[in-house]
Amino acid sequence: STVVGAEGVDIVVEVMGGIDPARDLLTRALKAGQSVVTAN
């Protein structure tokens, strides 16, 4: 929660890999108005 949907975090970079929980986290970030960069 300090990254996904957090006020003041403009861009979320996901380099965890795998589908879960990355799918849910990135969907939440996008819906919160954060741009997303992923290598997944």
ModelCIF file with pLDDT and N, C-alpha, C, O atoms, coordinates in Angstrom:
data_MODEL
#
_entry.id   MODEL 
#
_entity.id                         1 
_entity.type                       polymer 
_entity.pdbx_number_of_molecules   1 
#
_entity_poly.entity_id                      1 
_entity_poly.type                           'polypeptide(L)' 
_entity_poly.nstd_linkage                   no 
_entity_poly.nstd_monomer                   no 
_entity_poly.pdbx_seq_one_letter_code       STVVGAEGVDIVVEVMGGIDPARDLLTRALKAGQSVVTAN 
_entity_poly.pdbx_seq_one_letter_code_can   STVVGAEGVDIVVEVMGGIDPARDLLTRALKAGQSVVTAN 
_entity_poly.pdbx_strand_id                 A 
#
loop_
_entity_poly_seq.entity_id 
_entity_poly_seq.num 
_entity_poly_seq.mon_id 
_entity_poly_seq.hetero 
1 1  SER n 
1 2  THR n 
1 3  VAL n 
1 4  VAL n 
1 5  GLY n 
1 6  ALA n 
1 7  GLU n 
1 8  GLY n 
1 9  VAL n 
1 10 ASP n 
1 11 ILE n 
1 12 VAL n 
1 13 VAL n 
1 14 GLU n 
1 15 VAL n 
1 16 MET n 
1 17 GLY n 
1 18 GLY n 
1 19 ILE n 
1 20 ASP n 
1 21 PRO n 
1 22 ALA n 
1 23 ARG n 
1 24 ASP n 
1 25 LEU n 
1 26 LEU n 
1 27 THR n 
1 28 ARG n 
1 29 ALA n 
1 30 LEU n 
1 31 LYS n 
1 32 ALA n 
1 33 GLY n 
1 34 GLN n 
1 35 SER n 
1 36 VAL n 
1 37 VAL n 
1 38 THR n 
1 39 ALA n 
1 40 ASN n 
#
_struct_asym.id          A 
_struct_asym.entity_id   1 
#
loop_
_ma_qa_metric.id 
_ma_qa_metric.mode 
_ma_qa_metric.name 
_ma_qa_metric.software_group_id 
_ma_qa_metric.type 
1 global pLDDT . pLDDT 
2 local  pLDDT . pLDDT 
#
_ma_qa_metric_global.metric_id      1 
_ma_qa_metric_global.metric_value   97.00 
_ma_qa_metric_global.model_id       1 
_ma_qa_metric_global.ordinal_id     1 
#
loop_
_ma_qa_metric_local.label_asym_id 
_ma_qa_metric_local.label_comp_id 
_ma_qa_metric_local.label_seq_id 
_ma_qa_metric_local.metric_id 
_ma_qa_metric_local.metric_value 
_ma_qa_metric_local.model_id 
_ma_qa_metric_local.ordinal_id 
A SER 1  2 97.00 1 1  
A THR 2  2 97.00 1 2  
A VAL 3  2 98.00 1 3  
A VAL 4  2 98.00 1 4  
A GLY 5  2 97.00 1 5  
A ALA 6  2 97.00 1 6  
A GLU 7  2 95.00 1 7  
A GLY 8  2 95.00 1 8  
A VAL 9  2 98.00 1 9  
A ASP 10 2 98.00 1 10 
A ILE 11 2 98.00 1 11 
A VAL 12 2 98.00 1 12 
A VAL 13 2 98.00 1 13 
A GLU 14 2 98.00 1 14 
A VAL 15 2 96.00 1 15 
A MET 16 2 94.00 1 16 
A GLY 17 2 92.00 1 17 
A GLY 18 2 94.00 1 18 
A ILE 19 2 96.00 1 19 
A ASP 20 2 95.00 1 20 
A PRO 21 2 96.00 1 21 
A ALA 22 2 97.00 1 22 
A ARG 23 2 98.00 1 23 
A ASP 24 2 98.00 1 24 
A LEU 25 2 98.00 1 25 
A LEU 26 2 98.00 1 26 
A THR 27 2 98.00 1 27 
A ARG 28 2 98.00 1 28 
A ALA 29 2 98.00 1 29 
A LEU 30 2 98.00 1 30 
A LYS 31 2 98.00 1 31 
A ALA 32 2 98.00 1 32 
A GLY 33 2 97.00 1 33 
A GLN 34 2 98.00 1 34 
A SER 35 2 97.00 1 35 
A VAL 36 2 98.00 1 36 
A VAL 37 2 98.00 1 37 
A THR 38 2 98.00 1 38 
A ALA 39 2 96.00 1 39 
A ASN 40 2 96.00 1 40 
#
loop_
_atom_site.group_PDB 
_atom_site.id 
_atom_site.type_symbol 
_atom_site.label_atom_id 
_atom_site.label_alt_id 
_atom_site.label_comp_id 
_atom_site.label_asym_id 
_atom_site.label_entity_id 
_atom_site.label_seq_id 
_atom_site.pdbx_PDB_ins_code 
_atom_site.Cartn_x 
_atom_site.Cartn_y 
_atom_site.Cartn_z 
_atom_site.occupancy 
_atom_site.B_iso_or_equiv 
_atom_site.pdbx_formal_charge 
_atom_site.auth_seq_id 
_atom_site.auth_comp_id 
_atom_site.auth_asym_id 
_atom_site.auth_atom_id 
_atom_site.pdbx_PDB_model_num 
ATOM 1   N N  . SER A 1 1  ? 0.816  -1.216  0.000   1.00 97.00 ? 1  SER A N  1 
ATOM 2   C CA . SER A 1 1  ? 0.000  0.000   0.000   1.00 97.00 ? 1  SER A CA 1 
ATOM 3   C C  . SER A 1 1  ? 0.850  1.267   0.000   1.00 97.00 ? 1  SER A C  1 
ATOM 4   O O  . SER A 1 1  ? 0.338  2.354   -0.267  1.00 97.00 ? 1  SER A O  1 
ATOM 5   N N  . THR A 1 2  ? 2.139  1.138   0.296   1.00 97.00 ? 2  THR A N  1 
ATOM 6   C CA . THR A 1 2  ? 3.026  2.310   0.223   1.00 97.00 ? 2  THR A CA 1 
ATOM 7   C C  . THR A 1 2  ? 3.378  2.659   -1.212  1.00 97.00 ? 2  THR A C  1 
ATOM 8   O O  . THR A 1 2  ? 3.922  3.731   -1.475  1.00 97.00 ? 2  THR A O  1 
ATOM 9   N N  . VAL A 1 3  ? 3.071  1.755   -2.150  1.00 98.00 ? 3  VAL A N  1 
ATOM 10  C CA . VAL A 1 3  ? 3.337  1.983   -3.580  1.00 98.00 ? 3  VAL A CA 1 
ATOM 11  C C  . VAL A 1 3  ? 2.040  1.997   -4.372  1.00 98.00 ? 3  VAL A C  1 
ATOM 12  O O  . VAL A 1 3  ? 1.727  2.987   -5.032  1.00 98.00 ? 3  VAL A O  1 
ATOM 13  N N  . VAL A 1 4  ? 1.285  0.910   -4.313  1.00 98.00 ? 4  VAL A N  1 
ATOM 14  C CA . VAL A 1 4  ? 0.076  0.761   -5.139  1.00 98.00 ? 4  VAL A CA 1 
ATOM 15  C C  . VAL A 1 4  ? -1.042 1.637   -4.596  1.00 98.00 ? 4  VAL A C  1 
ATOM 16  O O  . VAL A 1 4  ? -1.529 1.435   -3.484  1.00 98.00 ? 4  VAL A O  1 
ATOM 17  N N  . GLY A 1 5  ? -1.440 2.618   -5.408  1.00 97.00 ? 5  GLY A N  1 
ATOM 18  C CA . GLY A 1 5  ? -2.504 3.527   -5.002  1.00 97.00 ? 5  GLY A CA 1 
ATOM 19  C C  . GLY A 1 5  ? -2.076 4.580   -4.008  1.00 97.00 ? 5  GLY A C  1 
ATOM 20  O O  . GLY A 1 5  ? -2.904 5.354   -3.527  1.00 97.00 ? 5  GLY A O  1 
ATOM 21  N N  . ALA A 1 6  ? -0.782 4.623   -3.692  1.00 97.00 ? 6  ALA A N  1 
ATOM 22  C CA . ALA A 1 6  ? -0.300 5.561   -2.680  1.00 97.00 ? 6  ALA A CA 1 
ATOM 23  C C  . ALA A 1 6  ? -0.191 6.971   -3.246  1.00 97.00 ? 6  ALA A C  1 
ATOM 24  O O  . ALA A 1 6  ? 0.324  7.165   -4.347  1.00 97.00 ? 6  ALA A O  1 
ATOM 25  N N  . GLU A 1 7  ? -0.674 7.950   -2.493  1.00 95.00 ? 7  GLU A N  1 
ATOM 26  C CA . GLU A 1 7  ? -0.557 9.349   -2.903  1.00 95.00 ? 7  GLU A CA 1 
ATOM 27  C C  . GLU A 1 7  ? 0.920  9.733   -2.946  1.00 95.00 ? 7  GLU A C  1 
ATOM 28  O O  . GLU A 1 7  ? 1.675  9.439   -2.019  1.00 95.00 ? 7  GLU A O  1 
ATOM 29  N N  . GLY A 1 8  ? 1.314  10.381  -4.011  1.00 95.00 ? 8  GLY A N  1 
ATOM 30  C CA . GLY A 1 8  ? 2.706  10.811  -4.141  1.00 95.00 ? 8  GLY A CA 1 
ATOM 31  C C  . GLY A 1 8  ? 3.564  9.868   -4.944  1.00 95.00 ? 8  GLY A C  1 
ATOM 32  O O  . GLY A 1 8  ? 4.676  10.238  -5.321  1.00 95.00 ? 8  GLY A O  1 
ATOM 33  N N  . VAL A 1 9  ? 3.095  8.653   -5.227  1.00 98.00 ? 9  VAL A N  1 
ATOM 34  C CA . VAL A 1 9  ? 3.819  7.731   -6.110  1.00 98.00 ? 9  VAL A CA 1 
ATOM 35  C C  . VAL A 1 9  ? 3.223  7.862   -7.503  1.00 98.00 ? 9  VAL A C  1 
ATOM 36  O O  . VAL A 1 9  ? 2.066  7.504   -7.723  1.00 98.00 ? 9  VAL A O  1 
ATOM 37  N N  . ASP A 1 10 ? 4.008  8.375   -8.442  1.00 98.00 ? 10 ASP A N  1 
ATOM 38  C CA . ASP A 1 10 ? 3.504  8.691   -9.773  1.00 98.00 ? 10 ASP A CA 1 
ATOM 39  C C  . ASP A 1 10 ? 3.576  7.510   -10.735 1.00 98.00 ? 10 ASP A C  1 
ATOM 40  O O  . ASP A 1 10 ? 2.668  7.303   -11.540 1.00 98.00 ? 10 ASP A O  1 
ATOM 41  N N  . ILE A 1 11 ? 4.667  6.728   -10.649 1.00 98.00 ? 11 ILE A N  1 
ATOM 42  C CA . ILE A 1 11 ? 4.900  5.620   -11.579 1.00 98.00 ? 11 ILE A CA 1 
ATOM 43  C C  . ILE A 1 11 ? 5.211  4.369   -10.767 1.00 98.00 ? 11 ILE A C  1 
ATOM 44  O O  . ILE A 1 11 ? 6.044  4.399   -9.861  1.00 98.00 ? 11 ILE A O  1 
ATOM 45  N N  . VAL A 1 12 ? 4.540  3.277   -11.095 1.00 98.00 ? 12 VAL A N  1 
ATOM 46  C CA . VAL A 1 12 ? 4.786  1.998   -10.427 1.00 98.00 ? 12 VAL A CA 1 
ATOM 47  C C  . VAL A 1 12 ? 5.561  1.096   -11.388 1.00 98.00 ? 12 VAL A C  1 
ATOM 48  O O  . VAL A 1 12 ? 5.128  0.858   -12.516 1.00 98.00 ? 12 VAL A O  1 
ATOM 49  N N  . VAL A 1 13 ? 6.697  0.604   -10.935 1.00 98.00 ? 13 VAL A N  1 
ATOM 50  C CA . VAL A 1 13 ? 7.521  -0.314  -11.720 1.00 98.00 ? 13 VAL A CA 1 
ATOM 51  C C  . VAL A 1 13 ? 7.384  -1.708  -11.122 1.00 98.00 ? 13 VAL A C  1 
ATOM 52  O O  . VAL A 1 13 ? 7.709  -1.925  -9.954  1.00 98.00 ? 13 VAL A O  1 
ATOM 53  N N  . GLU A 1 14 ? 6.903  -2.648  -11.927 1.00 98.00 ? 14 GLU A N  1 
ATOM 54  C CA . GLU A 1 14 ? 6.707  -4.022  -11.446 1.00 98.00 ? 14 GLU A CA 1 
ATOM 55  C C  . GLU A 1 14 ? 7.739  -4.941  -12.062 1.00 98.00 ? 14 GLU A C  1 
ATOM 56  O O  . GLU A 1 14 ? 7.761  -5.143  -13.276 1.00 98.00 ? 14 GLU A O  1 
ATOM 57  N N  . VAL A 1 15 ? 8.602  -5.501  -11.214 1.00 96.00 ? 15 VAL A N  1 
ATOM 58  C CA . VAL A 1 15 ? 9.622  -6.451  -11.659 1.00 96.00 ? 15 VAL A CA 1 
ATOM 59  C C  . VAL A 1 15 ? 9.612  -7.679  -10.742 1.00 96.00 ? 15 VAL A C  1 
ATOM 60  O O  . VAL A 1 15 ? 10.657 -8.259  -10.446 1.00 96.00 ? 15 VAL A O  1 
ATOM 61  N N  . MET A 1 16 ? 8.417  -8.058  -10.303 1.00 94.00 ? 16 MET A N  1 
ATOM 62  C CA . MET A 1 16 ? 8.248  -9.231  -9.444  1.00 94.00 ? 16 MET A CA 1 
ATOM 63  C C  . MET A 1 16 ? 8.186  -10.512 -10.265 1.00 94.00 ? 16 MET A C  1 
ATOM 64  O O  . MET A 1 16 ? 8.751  -11.535 -9.877  1.00 94.00 ? 16 MET A O  1 
ATOM 65  N N  . GLY A 1 17 ? 7.493  -10.448 -11.407 1.00 92.00 ? 17 GLY A N  1 
ATOM 66  C CA . GLY A 1 17 ? 7.269  -11.643 -12.210 1.00 92.00 ? 17 GLY A CA 1 
ATOM 67  C C  . GLY A 1 17 ? 6.036  -12.398 -11.755 1.00 92.00 ? 17 GLY A C  1 
ATOM 68  O O  . GLY A 1 17 ? 5.503  -12.158 -10.672 1.00 92.00 ? 17 GLY A O  1 
ATOM 69  N N  . GLY A 1 18 ? 5.590  -13.319 -12.608 1.00 94.00 ? 18 GLY A N  1 
ATOM 70  C CA . GLY A 1 18 ? 4.413  -14.110 -12.300 1.00 94.00 ? 18 GLY A CA 1 
ATOM 71  C C  . GLY A 1 18 ? 3.130  -13.335 -12.527 1.00 94.00 ? 18 GLY A C  1 
ATOM 72  O O  . GLY A 1 18 ? 3.145  -12.112 -12.660 1.00 94.00 ? 18 GLY A O  1 
ATOM 73  N N  . ILE A 1 19 ? 2.022  -14.054 -12.571 1.00 96.00 ? 19 ILE A N  1 
ATOM 74  C CA . ILE A 1 19 ? 0.732  -13.419 -12.846 1.00 96.00 ? 19 ILE A CA 1 
ATOM 75  C C  . ILE A 1 19 ? 0.071  -12.904 -11.572 1.00 96.00 ? 19 ILE A C  1 
ATOM 76  O O  . ILE A 1 19 ? -0.465 -11.796 -11.557 1.00 96.00 ? 19 ILE A O  1 
ATOM 77  N N  . ASP A 1 20 ? 0.103  -13.689 -10.516 1.00 95.00 ? 20 ASP A N  1 
ATOM 78  C CA . ASP A 1 20 ? -0.470 -13.255 -9.247  1.00 95.00 ? 20 ASP A CA 1 
ATOM 79  C C  . ASP A 1 20 ? 0.629  -13.097 -8.202  1.00 95.00 ? 20 ASP A C  1 
ATOM 80  O O  . ASP A 1 20 ? 1.490  -13.969 -8.092  1.00 95.00 ? 20 ASP A O  1 
ATOM 81  N N  . PRO A 1 21 ? 0.625  -11.998 -7.424  1.00 96.00 ? 21 PRO A N  1 
ATOM 82  C CA . PRO A 1 21 ? -0.419 -10.969 -7.338  1.00 96.00 ? 21 PRO A CA 1 
ATOM 83  C C  . PRO A 1 21 ? -0.221 -9.787  -8.282  1.00 96.00 ? 21 PRO A C  1 
ATOM 84  O O  . PRO A 1 21 ? -0.906 -8.774  -8.147  1.00 96.00 ? 21 PRO A O  1 
ATOM 85  N N  . ALA A 1 22 ? 0.721  -9.900  -9.251  1.00 97.00 ? 22 ALA A N  1 
ATOM 86  C CA . ALA A 1 22 ? 1.052  -8.752  -10.102 1.00 97.00 ? 22 ALA A CA 1 
ATOM 87  C C  . ALA A 1 22 ? -0.179 -8.220  -10.840 1.00 97.00 ? 22 ALA A C  1 
ATOM 88  O O  . ALA A 1 22 ? -0.358 -7.007  -10.950 1.00 97.00 ? 22 ALA A O  1 
ATOM 89  N N  . ARG A 1 23 ? -1.026 -9.120  -11.344 1.00 98.00 ? 23 ARG A N  1 
ATOM 90  C CA . ARG A 1 23 ? -2.204 -8.674  -12.105 1.00 98.00 ? 23 ARG A CA 1 
ATOM 91  C C  . ARG A 1 23 ? -3.082 -7.754  -11.266 1.00 98.00 ? 23 ARG A C  1 
ATOM 92  O O  . ARG A 1 23 ? -3.465 -6.676  -11.719 1.00 98.00 ? 23 ARG A O  1 
ATOM 93  N N  . ASP A 1 24 ? -3.399 -8.173  -10.056 1.00 98.00 ? 24 ASP A N  1 
ATOM 94  C CA . ASP A 1 24 ? -4.253 -7.371  -9.183  1.00 98.00 ? 24 ASP A CA 1 
ATOM 95  C C  . ASP A 1 24 ? -3.583 -6.058  -8.802  1.00 98.00 ? 24 ASP A C  1 
ATOM 96  O O  . ASP A 1 24 ? -4.228 -5.009  -8.813  1.00 98.00 ? 24 ASP A O  1 
ATOM 97  N N  . LEU A 1 25 ? -2.297 -6.101  -8.465  1.00 98.00 ? 25 LEU A N  1 
ATOM 98  C CA . LEU A 1 25 ? -1.590 -4.897  -8.030  1.00 98.00 ? 25 LEU A CA 1 
ATOM 99  C C  . LEU A 1 25 ? -1.522 -3.862  -9.143  1.00 98.00 ? 25 LEU A C  1 
ATOM 100 O O  . LEU A 1 25 ? -1.746 -2.675  -8.903  1.00 98.00 ? 25 LEU A O  1 
ATOM 101 N N  . LEU A 1 26 ? -1.215 -4.301  -10.357 1.00 98.00 ? 26 LEU A N  1 
ATOM 102 C CA . LEU A 1 26 ? -1.095 -3.348  -11.460 1.00 98.00 ? 26 LEU A CA 1 
ATOM 103 C C  . LEU A 1 26 ? -2.456 -2.806  -11.882 1.00 98.00 ? 26 LEU A C  1 
ATOM 104 O O  . LEU A 1 26 ? -2.566 -1.642  -12.268 1.00 98.00 ? 26 LEU A O  1 
ATOM 105 N N  . THR A 1 27 ? -3.479 -3.628  -11.814 1.00 98.00 ? 27 THR A N  1 
ATOM 106 C CA . THR A 1 27 ? -4.824 -3.140  -12.116 1.00 98.00 ? 27 THR A CA 1 
ATOM 107 C C  . THR A 1 27 ? -5.222 -2.053  -11.125 1.00 98.00 ? 27 THR A C  1 
ATOM 108 O O  . THR A 1 27 ? -5.785 -1.028  -11.508 1.00 98.00 ? 27 THR A O  1 
ATOM 109 N N  . ARG A 1 28 ? -4.927 -2.285  -9.852  1.00 98.00 ? 28 ARG A N  1 
ATOM 110 C CA . ARG A 1 28 ? -5.228 -1.282  -8.822  1.00 98.00 ? 28 ARG A CA 1 
ATOM 111 C C  . ARG A 1 28 ? -4.439 -0.005  -9.051  1.00 98.00 ? 28 ARG A C  1 
ATOM 112 O O  . ARG A 1 28 ? -4.972 1.091   -8.878  1.00 98.00 ? 28 ARG A O  1 
ATOM 113 N N  . ALA A 1 29 ? -3.184 -0.133  -9.435  1.00 98.00 ? 29 ALA A N  1 
ATOM 114 C CA . ALA A 1 29 ? -2.352 1.054   -9.668  1.00 98.00 ? 29 ALA A CA 1 
ATOM 115 C C  . ALA A 1 29 ? -2.904 1.875   -10.832 1.00 98.00 ? 29 ALA A C  1 
ATOM 116 O O  . ALA A 1 29 ? -3.008 3.098   -10.733 1.00 98.00 ? 29 ALA A O  1 
ATOM 117 N N  . LEU A 1 30 ? -3.253 1.219   -11.920 1.00 98.00 ? 30 LEU A N  1 
ATOM 118 C CA . LEU A 1 30 ? -3.782 1.922   -13.091 1.00 98.00 ? 30 LEU A CA 1 
ATOM 119 C C  . LEU A 1 30 ? -5.099 2.630   -12.751 1.00 98.00 ? 30 LEU A C  1 
ATOM 120 O O  . LEU A 1 30 ? -5.316 3.774   -13.151 1.00 98.00 ? 30 LEU A O  1 
ATOM 121 N N  . LYS A 1 31 ? -5.964 1.948   -12.020 1.00 98.00 ? 31 LYS A N  1 
ATOM 122 C CA . LYS A 1 31 ? -7.246 2.546   -11.657 1.00 98.00 ? 31 LYS A CA 1 
ATOM 123 C C  . LYS A 1 31 ? -7.080 3.707   -10.683 1.00 98.00 ? 31 LYS A C  1 
ATOM 124 O O  . LYS A 1 31 ? -7.947 4.576   -10.584 1.00 98.00 ? 31 LYS A O  1 
ATOM 125 N N  . ALA A 1 32 ? -5.960 3.714   -9.967  1.00 98.00 ? 32 ALA A N  1 
ATOM 126 C CA . ALA A 1 32 ? -5.665 4.812   -9.042  1.00 98.00 ? 32 ALA A CA 1 
ATOM 127 C C  . ALA A 1 32 ? -4.997 5.989   -9.748  1.00 98.00 ? 32 ALA A C  1 
ATOM 128 O O  . ALA A 1 32 ? -4.674 6.993   -9.114  1.00 98.00 ? 32 ALA A O  1 
ATOM 129 N N  . GLY A 1 33 ? -4.788 5.866   -11.071 1.00 97.00 ? 33 GLY A N  1 
ATOM 130 C CA . GLY A 1 33 ? -4.189 6.971   -11.820 1.00 97.00 ? 33 GLY A CA 1 
ATOM 131 C C  . GLY A 1 33 ? -2.685 6.961   -11.852 1.00 97.00 ? 33 GLY A C  1 
ATOM 132 O O  . GLY A 1 33 ? -2.058 7.978   -12.151 1.00 97.00 ? 33 GLY A O  1 
ATOM 133 N N  . GLN A 1 34 ? -2.087 5.801   -11.542 1.00 98.00 ? 34 GLN A N  1 
ATOM 134 C CA . GLN A 1 34 ? -0.630 5.674   -11.608 1.00 98.00 ? 34 GLN A CA 1 
ATOM 135 C C  . GLN A 1 34 ? -0.235 5.020   -12.929 1.00 98.00 ? 34 GLN A C  1 
ATOM 136 O O  . GLN A 1 34 ? -0.838 4.030   -13.341 1.00 98.00 ? 34 GLN A O  1 
ATOM 137 N N  . SER A 1 35 ? 0.772  5.571   -13.586 1.00 97.00 ? 35 SER A N  1 
ATOM 138 C CA . SER A 1 35 ? 1.316  4.897   -14.759 1.00 97.00 ? 35 SER A CA 1 
ATOM 139 C C  . SER A 1 35 ? 2.107  3.678   -14.302 1.00 97.00 ? 35 SER A C  1 
ATOM 140 O O  . SER A 1 35 ? 2.659  3.651   -13.202 1.00 97.00 ? 35 SER A O  1 
ATOM 141 N N  . VAL A 1 36 ? 2.151  2.669   -15.170 1.00 98.00 ? 36 VAL A N  1 
ATOM 142 C CA . VAL A 1 36 ? 2.779  1.396   -14.813 1.00 98.00 ? 36 VAL A CA 1 
ATOM 143 C C  . VAL A 1 36 ? 3.827  1.024   -15.847 1.00 98.00 ? 36 VAL A C  1 
ATOM 144 O O  . VAL A 1 36 ? 3.607  1.152   -17.051 1.00 98.00 ? 36 VAL A O  1 
ATOM 145 N N  . VAL A 1 37 ? 4.980  0.556   -15.355 1.00 98.00 ? 37 VAL A N  1 
ATOM 146 C CA . VAL A 1 37 ? 6.027  -0.018  -16.192 1.00 98.00 ? 37 VAL A CA 1 
ATOM 147 C C  . VAL A 1 37 ? 6.266  -1.436  -15.691 1.00 98.00 ? 37 VAL A C  1 
ATOM 148 O O  . VAL A 1 37 ? 6.443  -1.647  -14.491 1.00 98.00 ? 37 VAL A O  1 
ATOM 149 N N  . THR A 1 38 ? 6.271  -2.409  -16.599 1.00 98.00 ? 38 THR A N  1 
ATOM 150 C CA . THR A 1 38 ? 6.468  -3.792  -16.188 1.00 98.00 ? 38 THR A CA 1 
ATOM 151 C C  . THR A 1 38 ? 7.389  -4.527  -17.143 1.00 98.00 ? 38 THR A C  1 
ATOM 152 O O  . THR A 1 38 ? 7.444  -4.224  -18.335 1.00 98.00 ? 38 THR A O  1 
ATOM 153 N N  . ALA A 1 39 ? 8.112  -5.499  -16.603 1.00 96.00 ? 39 ALA A N  1 
ATOM 154 C CA . ALA A 1 39 ? 8.938  -6.400  -17.409 1.00 96.00 ? 39 ALA A CA 1 
ATOM 155 C C  . ALA A 1 39 ? 8.341  -7.799  -17.414 1.00 96.00 ? 39 ALA A C  1 
ATOM 156 O O  . ALA A 1 39 ? 9.027  -8.767  -17.742 1.00 96.00 ? 39 ALA A O  1 
ATOM 157 N N  . ASN A 1 40 ? 7.059  -7.913  -17.050 1.00 96.00 ? 40 ASN A N  1 
ATOM 158 C CA . ASN A 1 40 ? 6.420  -9.196  -16.779 1.00 96.00 ? 40 ASN A CA 1 
ATOM 159 C C  . ASN A 1 40 ? 5.789  -9.781  -18.046 1.00 96.00 ? 40 ASN A C  1 
ATOM 160 O O  . ASN A 1 40 ? 5.204  -10.863 -18.002 1.00 96.00 ? 40 ASN A O  1 
#
